[in-house]
Amino acid sequence: GLLVLAPPWRDQLAARGCPRLLAEAIAVPAAAQVMCGPVIAMLAGQVNLVAVLANLVAAPAVPPVTVLGVLATAIHPVLPPLAELLAWCAWPAARWLVLVATTAAAVPWASVEWPSSLTGGLALAGLTVGAFVLAPHRAVRRLVVAAGAGALAVTATLHTVAPGWPPKHWQLVACDVGQGDGLVLRVG
């Protein structure tokens, strides 16, 4: 994805007036998400809707964490104090990565449930390929945007009306299980 998709996407964004550095910063996480999304969906059972934005915000911290972390790992057997210093120098950037990840994960509706199976992964891959095939058509893009906005509105409404199960800070819940009631008491 980074080698095949990101360069033409960067060039297309730049051709439309996006500064080249920003175009690259957008194209790289978008390409990574397109290629990794089906595998992540298959393994985690979810599709992350804020991953590209989170990766864009986290990107400046990746080089120092990577370089300093590799150096610290490589020299630790020989010079542990220097390795510790390098790790300490990497800490602010690593902390930034953790902050971005936890903040992005806490965004309401940051991800949607997805079948965690080979079929789910293939379905997401198929939808992604379909989006690329249909994206050049303006009417299709408008329809996709309208459907996405409608789905977001429905999802937002459902999350507001039915905020999830079990409710936060629950102590006792009563469930109608068909032929009677089920009571669950939280005891610790």
N, C-alpha and C. Protein backbone atom coordinates (compact mmCIF):
# COMPACT_ATOMS: atom_id res chain seq x y z
N GLY A 1 0.81 -1.19 0.00
CA GLY A 1 0.00 0.00 0.00
C GLY A 1 0.85 1.25 0.00
N LEU A 2 1.92 1.23 0.82
CA LEU A 2 2.77 2.42 0.91
C LEU A 2 3.54 2.65 -0.39
N LEU A 3 3.90 1.56 -1.08
CA LEU A 3 4.68 1.70 -2.31
C LEU A 3 3.81 1.86 -3.55
N VAL A 4 2.63 1.23 -3.54
CA VAL A 4 1.80 1.23 -4.75
C VAL A 4 0.73 2.32 -4.72
N LEU A 5 0.04 2.47 -3.60
CA LEU A 5 -1.08 3.40 -3.54
C LEU A 5 -0.69 4.82 -3.12
N ALA A 6 0.18 4.94 -2.13
CA ALA A 6 0.48 6.27 -1.57
C ALA A 6 1.07 7.25 -2.59
N PRO A 7 2.05 6.86 -3.42
CA PRO A 7 2.61 7.85 -4.35
C PRO A 7 1.59 8.45 -5.33
N PRO A 8 0.73 7.64 -6.00
CA PRO A 8 -0.23 8.29 -6.90
C PRO A 8 -1.29 9.12 -6.14
N TRP A 9 -1.66 8.67 -4.94
CA TRP A 9 -2.61 9.48 -4.15
C TRP A 9 -1.98 10.81 -3.77
N ARG A 10 -0.72 10.76 -3.35
CA ARG A 10 -0.01 12.00 -3.02
C ARG A 10 0.02 12.92 -4.22
N ASP A 11 0.33 12.37 -5.38
CA ASP A 11 0.42 13.19 -6.60
C ASP A 11 -0.93 13.77 -6.98
N GLN A 12 -2.00 12.99 -6.82
CA GLN A 12 -3.34 13.49 -7.13
C GLN A 12 -3.74 14.62 -6.18
N LEU A 13 -3.45 14.45 -4.89
CA LEU A 13 -3.76 15.52 -3.93
C LEU A 13 -2.95 16.77 -4.24
N ALA A 14 -1.67 16.60 -4.57
CA ALA A 14 -0.82 17.75 -4.89
C ALA A 14 -1.31 18.44 -6.16
N ALA A 15 -1.77 17.66 -7.15
CA ALA A 15 -2.29 18.24 -8.39
C ALA A 15 -3.56 19.05 -8.14
N ARG A 16 -4.27 18.73 -7.07
CA ARG A 16 -5.50 19.47 -6.73
C ARG A 16 -5.22 20.65 -5.81
N GLY A 17 -3.92 20.95 -5.58
CA GLY A 17 -3.58 22.13 -4.81
C GLY A 17 -3.18 21.88 -3.37
N CYS A 18 -3.18 20.65 -2.94
CA CYS A 18 -2.76 20.32 -1.57
C CYS A 18 -1.24 20.43 -1.50
N PRO A 19 -0.70 21.10 -0.47
CA PRO A 19 0.77 21.14 -0.35
C PRO A 19 1.35 19.72 -0.33
N ARG A 20 2.46 19.55 -1.02
CA ARG A 20 3.03 18.21 -1.22
C ARG A 20 3.30 17.46 0.08
N LEU A 21 3.83 18.15 1.09
CA LEU A 21 4.11 17.50 2.37
C LEU A 21 2.82 17.03 3.03
N LEU A 22 1.78 17.85 3.01
CA LEU A 22 0.49 17.45 3.57
C LEU A 22 -0.13 16.32 2.75
N ALA A 23 0.01 16.40 1.42
CA ALA A 23 -0.51 15.34 0.56
C ALA A 23 0.13 14.00 0.90
N GLU A 24 1.44 14.03 1.14
CA GLU A 24 2.15 12.80 1.53
C GLU A 24 1.68 12.32 2.89
N ALA A 25 1.51 13.27 3.82
CA ALA A 25 1.08 12.91 5.17
C ALA A 25 -0.31 12.29 5.18
N ILE A 26 -1.16 12.66 4.25
CA ILE A 26 -2.50 12.08 4.15
C ILE A 26 -2.46 10.76 3.39
N ALA A 27 -1.71 10.72 2.29
CA ALA A 27 -1.71 9.54 1.43
C ALA A 27 -1.13 8.31 2.11
N VAL A 28 -0.09 8.48 2.92
CA VAL A 28 0.57 7.33 3.53
C VAL A 28 -0.36 6.60 4.52
N PRO A 29 -0.98 7.28 5.51
CA PRO A 29 -1.87 6.53 6.40
C PRO A 29 -3.13 6.03 5.70
N ALA A 30 -3.60 6.76 4.69
CA ALA A 30 -4.78 6.29 3.96
C ALA A 30 -4.45 4.99 3.22
N ALA A 31 -3.30 4.94 2.56
CA ALA A 31 -2.89 3.72 1.86
C ALA A 31 -2.68 2.57 2.83
N ALA A 32 -2.07 2.87 3.97
CA ALA A 32 -1.86 1.82 4.98
C ALA A 32 -3.20 1.29 5.49
N GLN A 33 -4.15 2.18 5.70
CA GLN A 33 -5.47 1.75 6.20
C GLN A 33 -6.19 0.89 5.17
N VAL A 34 -6.10 1.27 3.91
CA VAL A 34 -6.77 0.50 2.85
C VAL A 34 -6.20 -0.92 2.80
N MET A 35 -4.88 -1.03 2.91
CA MET A 35 -4.26 -2.34 2.79
C MET A 35 -4.39 -3.17 4.08
N CYS A 36 -4.33 -2.51 5.24
CA CYS A 36 -4.37 -3.24 6.51
C CYS A 36 -5.78 -3.42 7.03
N GLY A 37 -6.70 -2.58 6.59
CA GLY A 37 -8.07 -2.61 7.11
C GLY A 37 -8.73 -3.99 7.10
N PRO A 38 -8.70 -4.71 5.97
CA PRO A 38 -9.33 -6.03 5.96
C PRO A 38 -8.69 -7.02 6.95
N VAL A 39 -7.37 -6.97 7.10
CA VAL A 39 -6.70 -7.87 8.04
C VAL A 39 -7.07 -7.50 9.47
N ILE A 40 -7.06 -6.21 9.77
CA ILE A 40 -7.42 -5.76 11.12
C ILE A 40 -8.87 -6.12 11.42
N ALA A 41 -9.75 -5.91 10.44
CA ALA A 41 -11.16 -6.26 10.65
C ALA A 41 -11.30 -7.75 10.93
N MET A 42 -10.55 -8.55 10.20
CA MET A 42 -10.61 -10.00 10.37
C MET A 42 -10.10 -10.40 11.76
N LEU A 43 -9.06 -9.76 12.23
CA LEU A 43 -8.46 -10.13 13.52
C LEU A 43 -9.17 -9.50 14.71
N ALA A 44 -9.58 -8.23 14.57
CA ALA A 44 -10.13 -7.49 15.71
C ALA A 44 -11.65 -7.40 15.70
N GLY A 45 -12.28 -7.70 14.59
CA GLY A 45 -13.74 -7.63 14.55
C GLY A 45 -14.27 -6.20 14.55
N GLN A 46 -13.49 -5.28 13.99
CA GLN A 46 -13.94 -3.89 13.92
C GLN A 46 -13.25 -3.17 12.78
N VAL A 47 -13.87 -2.09 12.33
CA VAL A 47 -13.29 -1.21 11.33
C VAL A 47 -13.14 0.15 12.00
N ASN A 48 -11.93 0.67 12.04
CA ASN A 48 -11.66 1.93 12.70
C ASN A 48 -11.94 3.07 11.74
N LEU A 49 -12.75 4.03 12.17
CA LEU A 49 -13.14 5.15 11.33
C LEU A 49 -12.24 6.37 11.51
N VAL A 50 -11.40 6.37 12.51
CA VAL A 50 -10.53 7.52 12.77
C VAL A 50 -9.05 7.16 12.61
N ALA A 51 -8.74 5.99 12.11
CA ALA A 51 -7.35 5.53 12.04
C ALA A 51 -6.49 6.43 11.17
N VAL A 52 -7.00 6.86 10.03
CA VAL A 52 -6.19 7.69 9.14
C VAL A 52 -5.86 9.02 9.83
N LEU A 53 -6.85 9.64 10.46
CA LEU A 53 -6.61 10.90 11.17
C LEU A 53 -5.65 10.69 12.34
N ALA A 54 -5.85 9.61 13.10
CA ALA A 54 -4.95 9.33 14.23
C ALA A 54 -3.53 9.10 13.74
N ASN A 55 -3.36 8.37 12.66
CA ASN A 55 -2.01 8.14 12.12
C ASN A 55 -1.39 9.43 11.59
N LEU A 56 -2.21 10.30 11.04
CA LEU A 56 -1.71 11.59 10.57
C LEU A 56 -1.19 12.42 11.74
N VAL A 57 -1.92 12.42 12.84
CA VAL A 57 -1.51 13.18 14.03
C VAL A 57 -0.30 12.53 14.70
N ALA A 58 -0.23 11.22 14.67
CA ALA A 58 0.88 10.51 15.34
C ALA A 58 2.16 10.48 14.52
N ALA A 59 2.07 10.70 13.23
CA ALA A 59 3.21 10.51 12.32
C ALA A 59 4.50 11.22 12.73
N PRO A 60 4.46 12.46 13.20
CA PRO A 60 5.74 13.10 13.55
C PRO A 60 6.52 12.39 14.66
N ALA A 61 5.85 11.62 15.49
CA ALA A 61 6.53 10.94 16.60
C ALA A 61 7.13 9.60 16.19
N VAL A 62 6.73 9.07 15.07
CA VAL A 62 7.19 7.74 14.68
C VAL A 62 8.69 7.67 14.40
N PRO A 63 9.28 8.58 13.61
CA PRO A 63 10.72 8.46 13.35
C PRO A 63 11.60 8.50 14.60
N PRO A 64 11.40 9.46 15.52
CA PRO A 64 12.29 9.44 16.69
C PRO A 64 12.11 8.19 17.56
N VAL A 65 10.88 7.74 17.72
CA VAL A 65 10.65 6.53 18.52
C VAL A 65 11.31 5.33 17.85
N THR A 66 11.17 5.22 16.55
CA THR A 66 11.73 4.08 15.83
C THR A 66 13.26 4.09 15.87
N VAL A 67 13.85 5.22 15.51
CA VAL A 67 15.31 5.29 15.44
C VAL A 67 15.92 5.12 16.83
N LEU A 68 15.43 5.88 17.80
CA LEU A 68 16.00 5.79 19.15
C LEU A 68 15.74 4.42 19.77
N GLY A 69 14.56 3.86 19.52
CA GLY A 69 14.25 2.54 20.06
C GLY A 69 15.14 1.45 19.49
N VAL A 70 15.37 1.49 18.18
CA VAL A 70 16.25 0.49 17.55
C VAL A 70 17.68 0.65 18.06
N LEU A 71 18.14 1.89 18.14
CA LEU A 71 19.50 2.12 18.65
C LEU A 71 19.64 1.64 20.09
N ALA A 72 18.66 1.97 20.92
CA ALA A 72 18.72 1.54 22.33
C ALA A 72 18.73 0.02 22.43
N THR A 73 17.94 -0.64 21.62
CA THR A 73 17.89 -2.10 21.64
C THR A 73 19.22 -2.69 21.17
N ALA A 74 19.79 -2.10 20.14
CA ALA A 74 21.04 -2.65 19.58
C ALA A 74 22.23 -2.47 20.52
N ILE A 75 22.30 -1.33 21.22
CA ILE A 75 23.50 -1.10 22.04
C ILE A 75 23.32 -1.52 23.50
N HIS A 76 22.13 -1.89 23.87
CA HIS A 76 21.90 -2.26 25.28
C HIS A 76 22.82 -3.36 25.78
N PRO A 77 23.06 -4.42 25.02
CA PRO A 77 23.96 -5.47 25.54
C PRO A 77 25.38 -4.97 25.82
N VAL A 78 25.81 -3.94 25.11
CA VAL A 78 27.18 -3.45 25.25
C VAL A 78 27.26 -2.25 26.19
N LEU A 79 26.33 -1.31 26.04
CA LEU A 79 26.35 -0.06 26.83
C LEU A 79 24.95 0.23 27.41
N PRO A 80 24.56 -0.49 28.45
CA PRO A 80 23.23 -0.27 29.00
C PRO A 80 22.94 1.17 29.42
N PRO A 81 23.86 1.91 30.02
CA PRO A 81 23.53 3.29 30.40
C PRO A 81 23.21 4.19 29.19
N LEU A 82 23.95 4.01 28.10
CA LEU A 82 23.66 4.79 26.90
C LEU A 82 22.31 4.38 26.30
N ALA A 83 22.02 3.08 26.32
CA ALA A 83 20.73 2.60 25.84
C ALA A 83 19.59 3.21 26.66
N GLU A 84 19.81 3.29 27.96
CA GLU A 84 18.78 3.89 28.84
C GLU A 84 18.59 5.37 28.49
N LEU A 85 19.66 6.08 28.22
CA LEU A 85 19.58 7.49 27.83
C LEU A 85 18.81 7.65 26.52
N LEU A 86 19.10 6.79 25.56
CA LEU A 86 18.39 6.84 24.28
C LEU A 86 16.89 6.56 24.47
N ALA A 87 16.58 5.57 25.30
CA ALA A 87 15.18 5.26 25.57
C ALA A 87 14.50 6.44 26.26
N TRP A 88 15.22 7.07 27.18
CA TRP A 88 14.66 8.23 27.86
C TRP A 88 14.40 9.36 26.86
N CYS A 89 15.29 9.54 25.90
CA CYS A 89 15.11 10.57 24.87
C CYS A 89 13.91 10.26 23.97
N ALA A 90 13.60 8.99 23.79
CA ALA A 90 12.46 8.59 22.96
C ALA A 90 11.14 8.73 23.70
N TRP A 91 11.19 8.88 25.02
CA TRP A 91 9.98 8.87 25.84
C TRP A 91 8.96 9.92 25.42
N PRO A 92 9.32 11.20 25.20
CA PRO A 92 8.27 12.18 24.84
C PRO A 92 7.51 11.79 23.57
N ALA A 93 8.24 11.33 22.57
CA ALA A 93 7.58 10.92 21.33
C ALA A 93 6.72 9.68 21.55
N ALA A 94 7.21 8.74 22.34
CA ALA A 94 6.43 7.53 22.63
C ALA A 94 5.17 7.91 23.42
N ARG A 95 5.30 8.82 24.34
CA ARG A 95 4.15 9.28 25.12
C ARG A 95 3.12 9.92 24.21
N TRP A 96 3.59 10.68 23.20
CA TRP A 96 2.68 11.29 22.23
C TRP A 96 1.90 10.21 21.48
N LEU A 97 2.59 9.13 21.07
CA LEU A 97 1.90 8.03 20.38
C LEU A 97 0.82 7.42 21.26
N VAL A 98 1.13 7.21 22.52
CA VAL A 98 0.14 6.65 23.45
C VAL A 98 -1.03 7.60 23.62
N LEU A 99 -0.76 8.88 23.76
CA LEU A 99 -1.83 9.87 23.91
C LEU A 99 -2.74 9.91 22.69
N VAL A 100 -2.15 9.90 21.51
CA VAL A 100 -2.96 9.90 20.29
C VAL A 100 -3.80 8.63 20.21
N ALA A 101 -3.22 7.49 20.51
CA ALA A 101 -3.94 6.22 20.43
C ALA A 101 -5.09 6.18 21.43
N THR A 102 -4.85 6.57 22.67
CA THR A 102 -5.92 6.51 23.67
C THR A 102 -7.00 7.54 23.37
N THR A 103 -6.61 8.71 22.89
CA THR A 103 -7.61 9.73 22.53
C THR A 103 -8.45 9.27 21.36
N ALA A 104 -7.81 8.73 20.33
CA ALA A 104 -8.55 8.25 19.16
C ALA A 104 -9.48 7.09 19.53
N ALA A 105 -9.02 6.22 20.39
CA ALA A 105 -9.85 5.08 20.80
C ALA A 105 -11.05 5.53 21.62
N ALA A 106 -10.93 6.67 22.30
CA ALA A 106 -12.02 7.16 23.14
C ALA A 106 -13.06 7.95 22.36
N VAL A 107 -12.81 8.26 21.10
CA VAL A 107 -13.76 9.01 20.29
C VAL A 107 -15.03 8.16 20.13
N PRO A 108 -16.20 8.75 20.44
CA PRO A 108 -17.43 7.98 20.24
C PRO A 108 -17.55 7.54 18.77
N TRP A 109 -17.91 6.32 18.56
CA TRP A 109 -18.08 5.72 17.23
C TRP A 109 -16.79 5.73 16.44
N ALA A 110 -15.65 5.62 17.13
CA ALA A 110 -14.36 5.58 16.44
C ALA A 110 -14.23 4.32 15.60
N SER A 111 -14.94 3.29 15.97
CA SER A 111 -14.88 2.06 15.20
C SER A 111 -16.28 1.44 15.16
N VAL A 112 -16.47 0.61 14.15
CA VAL A 112 -17.74 -0.10 14.01
C VAL A 112 -17.45 -1.59 14.04
N GLU A 113 -18.36 -2.34 14.59
CA GLU A 113 -18.22 -3.80 14.64
C GLU A 113 -18.17 -4.35 13.22
N TRP A 114 -17.39 -5.41 13.06
CA TRP A 114 -17.25 -6.05 11.75
C TRP A 114 -17.02 -7.53 12.00
N PRO A 115 -17.51 -8.39 11.12
CA PRO A 115 -17.29 -9.83 11.33
C PRO A 115 -15.80 -10.17 11.40
N SER A 116 -15.41 -10.82 12.48
CA SER A 116 -13.99 -11.19 12.65
C SER A 116 -13.77 -12.58 12.09
N SER A 117 -13.79 -12.65 10.77
CA SER A 117 -13.59 -13.93 10.09
C SER A 117 -12.97 -13.65 8.73
N LEU A 118 -12.59 -14.71 8.06
CA LEU A 118 -12.06 -14.55 6.71
C LEU A 118 -13.10 -13.90 5.81
N THR A 119 -14.36 -14.29 5.99
CA THR A 119 -15.44 -13.71 5.20
C THR A 119 -15.55 -12.21 5.45
N GLY A 120 -15.42 -11.79 6.72
CA GLY A 120 -15.47 -10.37 7.05
C GLY A 120 -14.32 -9.61 6.42
N GLY A 121 -13.12 -10.18 6.48
CA GLY A 121 -11.96 -9.54 5.85
C GLY A 121 -12.13 -9.42 4.35
N LEU A 122 -12.61 -10.49 3.72
CA LEU A 122 -12.82 -10.46 2.27
C LEU A 122 -13.94 -9.49 1.90
N ALA A 123 -14.97 -9.40 2.74
CA ALA A 123 -16.06 -8.46 2.47
C ALA A 123 -15.55 -7.01 2.51
N LEU A 124 -14.73 -6.68 3.50
CA LEU A 124 -14.19 -5.32 3.56
C LEU A 124 -13.25 -5.06 2.39
N ALA A 125 -12.45 -6.05 2.03
CA ALA A 125 -11.57 -5.88 0.86
C ALA A 125 -12.41 -5.66 -0.40
N GLY A 126 -13.49 -6.42 -0.54
CA GLY A 126 -14.38 -6.25 -1.69
C GLY A 126 -15.04 -4.89 -1.72
N LEU A 127 -15.48 -4.41 -0.56
CA LEU A 127 -16.07 -3.07 -0.50
C LEU A 127 -15.04 -2.00 -0.85
N THR A 128 -13.83 -2.19 -0.40
CA THR A 128 -12.76 -1.23 -0.69
C THR A 128 -12.47 -1.20 -2.18
N VAL A 129 -12.32 -2.36 -2.80
CA VAL A 129 -12.07 -2.42 -4.24
C VAL A 129 -13.26 -1.82 -4.99
N GLY A 130 -14.47 -2.14 -4.55
CA GLY A 130 -15.66 -1.57 -5.18
C GLY A 130 -15.68 -0.06 -5.10
N ALA A 131 -15.26 0.47 -3.96
CA ALA A 131 -15.21 1.93 -3.81
C ALA A 131 -14.22 2.54 -4.79
N PHE A 132 -13.09 1.87 -5.00
CA PHE A 132 -12.11 2.40 -5.96
C PHE A 132 -12.63 2.35 -7.38
N VAL A 133 -13.35 1.30 -7.72
CA VAL A 133 -13.87 1.16 -9.08
C VAL A 133 -14.96 2.20 -9.33
N LEU A 134 -15.80 2.44 -8.32
CA LEU A 134 -16.94 3.34 -8.50
C LEU A 134 -16.62 4.81 -8.19
N ALA A 135 -15.53 5.07 -7.50
CA ALA A 135 -15.21 6.43 -7.05
C ALA A 135 -15.10 7.46 -8.18
N PRO A 136 -14.63 7.10 -9.37
CA PRO A 136 -14.53 8.14 -10.41
C PRO A 136 -15.88 8.72 -10.85
N HIS A 137 -16.98 8.05 -10.55
CA HIS A 137 -18.29 8.52 -10.99
C HIS A 137 -18.89 9.47 -9.95
N ARG A 138 -19.15 10.72 -10.34
CA ARG A 138 -19.64 11.75 -9.43
C ARG A 138 -20.96 11.33 -8.76
N ALA A 139 -21.88 10.75 -9.51
CA ALA A 139 -23.17 10.35 -8.93
C ALA A 139 -22.97 9.29 -7.86
N VAL A 140 -22.05 8.36 -8.10
CA VAL A 140 -21.78 7.31 -7.12
C VAL A 140 -21.17 7.93 -5.86
N ARG A 141 -20.24 8.87 -6.01
CA ARG A 141 -19.64 9.53 -4.84
C ARG A 141 -20.70 10.24 -4.02
N ARG A 142 -21.61 10.94 -4.68
CA ARG A 142 -22.69 11.63 -3.96
C ARG A 142 -23.58 10.64 -3.23
N LEU A 143 -23.90 9.53 -3.87
CA LEU A 143 -24.72 8.51 -3.24
C LEU A 143 -24.01 7.92 -2.02
N VAL A 144 -22.72 7.65 -2.14
CA VAL A 144 -21.94 7.09 -1.03
C VAL A 144 -21.89 8.08 0.13
N VAL A 145 -21.66 9.36 -0.18
CA VAL A 145 -21.62 10.38 0.87
C VAL A 145 -22.99 10.47 1.56
N ALA A 146 -24.07 10.46 0.78
CA ALA A 146 -25.41 10.53 1.37
C ALA A 146 -25.70 9.30 2.22
N ALA A 147 -25.33 8.12 1.72
CA ALA A 147 -25.55 6.89 2.50
C ALA A 147 -24.70 6.90 3.76
N GLY A 148 -23.47 7.36 3.65
CA GLY A 148 -22.60 7.44 4.83
C GLY A 148 -23.15 8.42 5.86
N ALA A 149 -23.63 9.57 5.40
CA ALA A 149 -24.22 10.55 6.33
C ALA A 149 -25.47 9.97 6.99
N GLY A 150 -26.28 9.26 6.21
CA GLY A 150 -27.46 8.62 6.79
C GLY A 150 -27.10 7.56 7.81
N ALA A 151 -26.11 6.74 7.48
CA ALA A 151 -25.67 5.70 8.42
C ALA A 151 -25.11 6.32 9.69
N LEU A 152 -24.36 7.40 9.54
CA LEU A 152 -23.81 8.09 10.71
C LEU A 152 -24.92 8.66 11.57
N ALA A 153 -25.93 9.24 10.95
CA ALA A 153 -27.06 9.80 11.71
C ALA A 153 -27.80 8.69 12.46
N VAL A 154 -28.04 7.56 11.79
CA VAL A 154 -28.72 6.44 12.45
C VAL A 154 -27.87 5.90 13.59
N THR A 155 -26.57 5.72 13.35
CA THR A 155 -25.68 5.21 14.39
C THR A 155 -25.62 6.15 15.58
N ALA A 156 -25.51 7.45 15.30
CA ALA A 156 -25.46 8.44 16.38
C ALA A 156 -26.74 8.39 17.20
N THR A 157 -27.87 8.27 16.52
CA THR A 157 -29.15 8.20 17.22
C THR A 157 -29.23 6.95 18.08
N LEU A 158 -28.82 5.81 17.52
CA LEU A 158 -28.87 4.57 18.29
C LEU A 158 -27.96 4.62 19.50
N HIS A 159 -26.78 5.20 19.34
CA HIS A 159 -25.86 5.30 20.47
C HIS A 159 -26.38 6.25 21.54
N THR A 160 -27.13 7.25 21.12
CA THR A 160 -27.70 8.20 22.08
C THR A 160 -28.88 7.59 22.80
N VAL A 161 -29.77 6.92 22.04
CA VAL A 161 -30.97 6.33 22.62
C VAL A 161 -30.64 5.06 23.39
N ALA A 162 -29.79 4.22 22.81
CA ALA A 162 -29.39 2.96 23.46
C ALA A 162 -27.87 2.99 23.63
N PRO A 163 -27.38 3.57 24.71
CA PRO A 163 -25.95 3.81 24.85
C PRO A 163 -25.07 2.60 25.05
N GLY A 164 -25.59 1.42 25.02
CA GLY A 164 -24.74 0.25 25.16
C GLY A 164 -25.12 -0.61 26.36
N TRP A 165 -24.54 -1.78 26.41
CA TRP A 165 -24.89 -2.73 27.45
C TRP A 165 -23.64 -3.35 28.00
N PRO A 166 -23.50 -3.52 29.26
CA PRO A 166 -24.41 -3.04 30.30
C PRO A 166 -24.24 -1.55 30.53
N PRO A 167 -25.22 -0.90 31.16
CA PRO A 167 -25.10 0.53 31.43
C PRO A 167 -23.89 0.81 32.33
N LYS A 168 -23.32 2.01 32.19
CA LYS A 168 -22.19 2.38 33.05
C LYS A 168 -22.63 2.39 34.51
N HIS A 169 -21.73 1.96 35.37
CA HIS A 169 -21.94 1.99 36.83
C HIS A 169 -23.17 1.20 37.26
N TRP A 170 -23.46 0.11 36.58
CA TRP A 170 -24.65 -0.67 36.93
C TRP A 170 -24.41 -1.47 38.20
N GLN A 171 -25.46 -1.71 38.95
CA GLN A 171 -25.41 -2.55 40.14
C GLN A 171 -26.37 -3.73 40.01
N LEU A 172 -27.53 -3.49 39.39
CA LEU A 172 -28.53 -4.52 39.20
C LEU A 172 -29.19 -4.29 37.85
N VAL A 173 -29.31 -5.35 37.07
CA VAL A 173 -30.02 -5.25 35.80
C VAL A 173 -31.08 -6.33 35.75
N ALA A 174 -32.19 -5.99 35.13
CA ALA A 174 -33.28 -6.94 34.95
C ALA A 174 -33.44 -7.18 33.45
N CYS A 175 -33.47 -8.44 33.06
CA CYS A 175 -33.56 -8.80 31.65
C CYS A 175 -34.78 -9.67 31.44
N ASP A 176 -35.62 -9.29 30.49
CA ASP A 176 -36.75 -10.12 30.10
C ASP A 176 -36.19 -11.18 29.16
N VAL A 177 -36.15 -12.42 29.60
CA VAL A 177 -35.54 -13.48 28.80
C VAL A 177 -36.57 -14.37 28.13
N GLY A 178 -37.80 -13.90 28.02
CA GLY A 178 -38.81 -14.65 27.30
C GLY A 178 -39.79 -15.36 28.21
N GLN A 179 -39.35 -16.39 28.94
CA GLN A 179 -40.25 -17.15 29.79
C GLN A 179 -40.11 -16.75 31.26
N GLY A 180 -39.59 -15.58 31.49
CA GLY A 180 -39.40 -15.10 32.86
C GLY A 180 -38.45 -13.93 32.83
N ASP A 181 -37.96 -13.58 33.98
CA ASP A 181 -37.01 -12.47 34.07
C ASP A 181 -35.68 -13.00 34.59
N GLY A 182 -34.61 -12.39 34.09
CA GLY A 182 -33.29 -12.70 34.61
C GLY A 182 -32.79 -11.48 35.36
N LEU A 183 -32.36 -11.65 36.60
CA LEU A 183 -31.80 -10.57 37.40
C LEU A 183 -30.33 -10.83 37.61
N VAL A 184 -29.51 -9.78 37.41
CA VAL A 184 -28.08 -9.90 37.62
C VAL A 184 -27.68 -8.83 38.63
N LEU A 185 -27.08 -9.27 39.72
CA LEU A 185 -26.61 -8.36 40.75
C LEU A 185 -25.09 -8.31 40.70
N ARG A 186 -24.55 -7.12 40.57
CA ARG A 186 -23.10 -6.96 40.53
C ARG A 186 -22.57 -7.00 41.96
N VAL A 187 -21.67 -7.93 42.22
CA VAL A 187 -21.17 -8.09 43.59
C VAL A 187 -19.66 -7.83 43.72
N GLY A 188 -19.01 -7.44 42.63
CA GLY A 188 -17.59 -7.13 42.78
C GLY A 188 -16.75 -7.63 41.66
